[in-house]
Amino acid sequence: MTLTCVVSANPSATSVTWYRVTNSGLEPIVVGSSSKYSGGSVATPSLTLSSAVDSDQGTYRCTATNAAGTGSSANVVLNVEGSE
């Protein structure tokens, strides 16, 4: 499953971060902490989830930062159906 994030920034983005939106706020997704997530970088801003399961359902958001500040995407809702 890939959540698409397209970054268009001037000056160029220096970082891209994905968050899971929870009742208590934004929870950062740490790419590289496991083989579950890949992407989520300036070179590859979209986030790929390997083997999505029910617990991955939820709302996600992408942000990009450059020298001028940080911009945020609209929320993306991920629904997982048919996982075991």
Protein backbone atom coordinates (compact mmCIF):
# COMPACT_ATOMS: atom_id res chain seq x y z
CA MET A 1 0.00 0.00 0.00
CA THR A 2 1.44 3.38 -0.98
CA LEU A 3 0.21 6.72 0.34
CA THR A 4 1.17 9.37 -2.20
CA CYS A 5 2.79 12.66 -1.24
CA VAL A 6 3.83 15.09 -3.98
CA VAL A 7 6.17 17.87 -2.86
CA SER A 8 6.59 21.06 -4.85
CA ALA A 9 8.70 23.62 -2.99
CA ASN A 10 10.90 26.62 -3.72
CA PRO A 11 13.44 26.54 -2.17
CA SER A 12 13.64 22.74 -2.30
CA ALA A 13 12.32 20.67 0.58
CA THR A 14 14.92 19.63 3.13
CA SER A 15 12.78 17.00 4.88
CA VAL A 16 9.56 15.03 4.50
CA THR A 17 7.74 13.54 7.48
CA TRP A 18 4.66 11.32 7.65
CA TYR A 19 2.32 11.37 10.64
CA ARG A 20 -0.55 9.25 11.83
CA VAL A 21 -3.36 11.47 13.08
CA THR A 22 -4.63 10.25 16.48
CA ASN A 23 -7.02 11.60 19.09
CA SER A 24 -4.04 12.94 21.04
CA GLY A 25 -2.40 14.65 18.04
CA LEU A 26 0.14 13.74 15.39
CA GLU A 27 2.25 10.60 15.84
CA PRO A 28 5.35 10.61 13.60
CA ILE A 29 5.97 7.55 11.44
CA VAL A 30 9.61 6.51 11.85
CA VAL A 31 10.68 5.18 8.46
CA GLY A 32 13.54 2.73 8.69
CA SER A 33 12.74 1.60 12.23
CA SER A 34 11.33 -1.60 10.72
CA SER A 35 10.78 -3.13 7.31
CA LYS A 36 7.10 -2.08 7.51
CA TYR A 37 7.63 1.46 6.16
CA SER A 38 9.68 2.79 3.27
CA GLY A 39 9.89 6.12 1.48
CA GLY A 40 8.87 9.25 3.34
CA SER A 41 12.02 11.12 2.30
CA VAL A 42 12.83 14.12 0.10
CA ALA A 43 13.88 11.76 -2.70
CA THR A 44 10.81 9.50 -2.27
CA PRO A 45 8.10 11.44 -0.40
CA SER A 46 5.35 8.82 -0.74
CA LEU A 47 5.01 6.33 2.13
CA THR A 48 4.82 2.60 1.40
CA LEU A 49 3.42 0.19 3.98
CA SER A 50 4.36 -3.47 3.54
CA SER A 51 1.62 -5.97 4.34
CA ALA A 52 -0.98 -3.51 5.67
CA VAL A 53 -3.15 -4.95 8.46
CA ASP A 54 -6.24 -3.75 10.34
CA SER A 55 -4.14 -1.87 12.90
CA ASP A 56 -2.71 0.30 10.08
CA GLN A 57 -6.16 1.74 9.38
CA GLY A 58 -6.41 5.39 10.20
CA THR A 59 -5.68 8.90 9.05
CA TYR A 60 -2.26 9.95 7.78
CA ARG A 61 -0.66 13.27 6.82
CA CYS A 62 2.52 14.24 4.98
CA THR A 63 4.56 17.37 5.75
CA ALA A 64 7.49 18.92 3.88
CA THR A 65 9.91 21.46 5.32
CA ASN A 66 12.23 23.94 3.61
CA ALA A 67 13.99 27.17 4.58
CA ALA A 68 10.67 29.07 4.35
CA GLY A 69 8.73 26.76 6.69
CA THR A 70 6.61 23.62 6.76
CA GLY A 71 3.65 22.72 4.57
CA SER A 72 1.16 19.96 5.25
CA SER A 73 -0.95 17.76 3.01
CA ALA A 74 -4.62 17.11 3.48
CA ASN A 75 -5.42 14.08 5.62
CA VAL A 76 -5.48 10.71 3.88
CA VAL A 77 -7.69 7.95 5.28
CA LEU A 78 -6.42 4.40 4.93
CA ASN A 79 -8.99 1.60 5.13
CA VAL A 80 -7.71 -1.99 5.24
CA GLU A 81 -10.08 -4.74 4.12
CA GLY A 82 -9.52 -8.46 4.06
CA SER A 83 -6.41 -8.62 6.24
CA GLU A 84 -5.86 -11.50 8.59
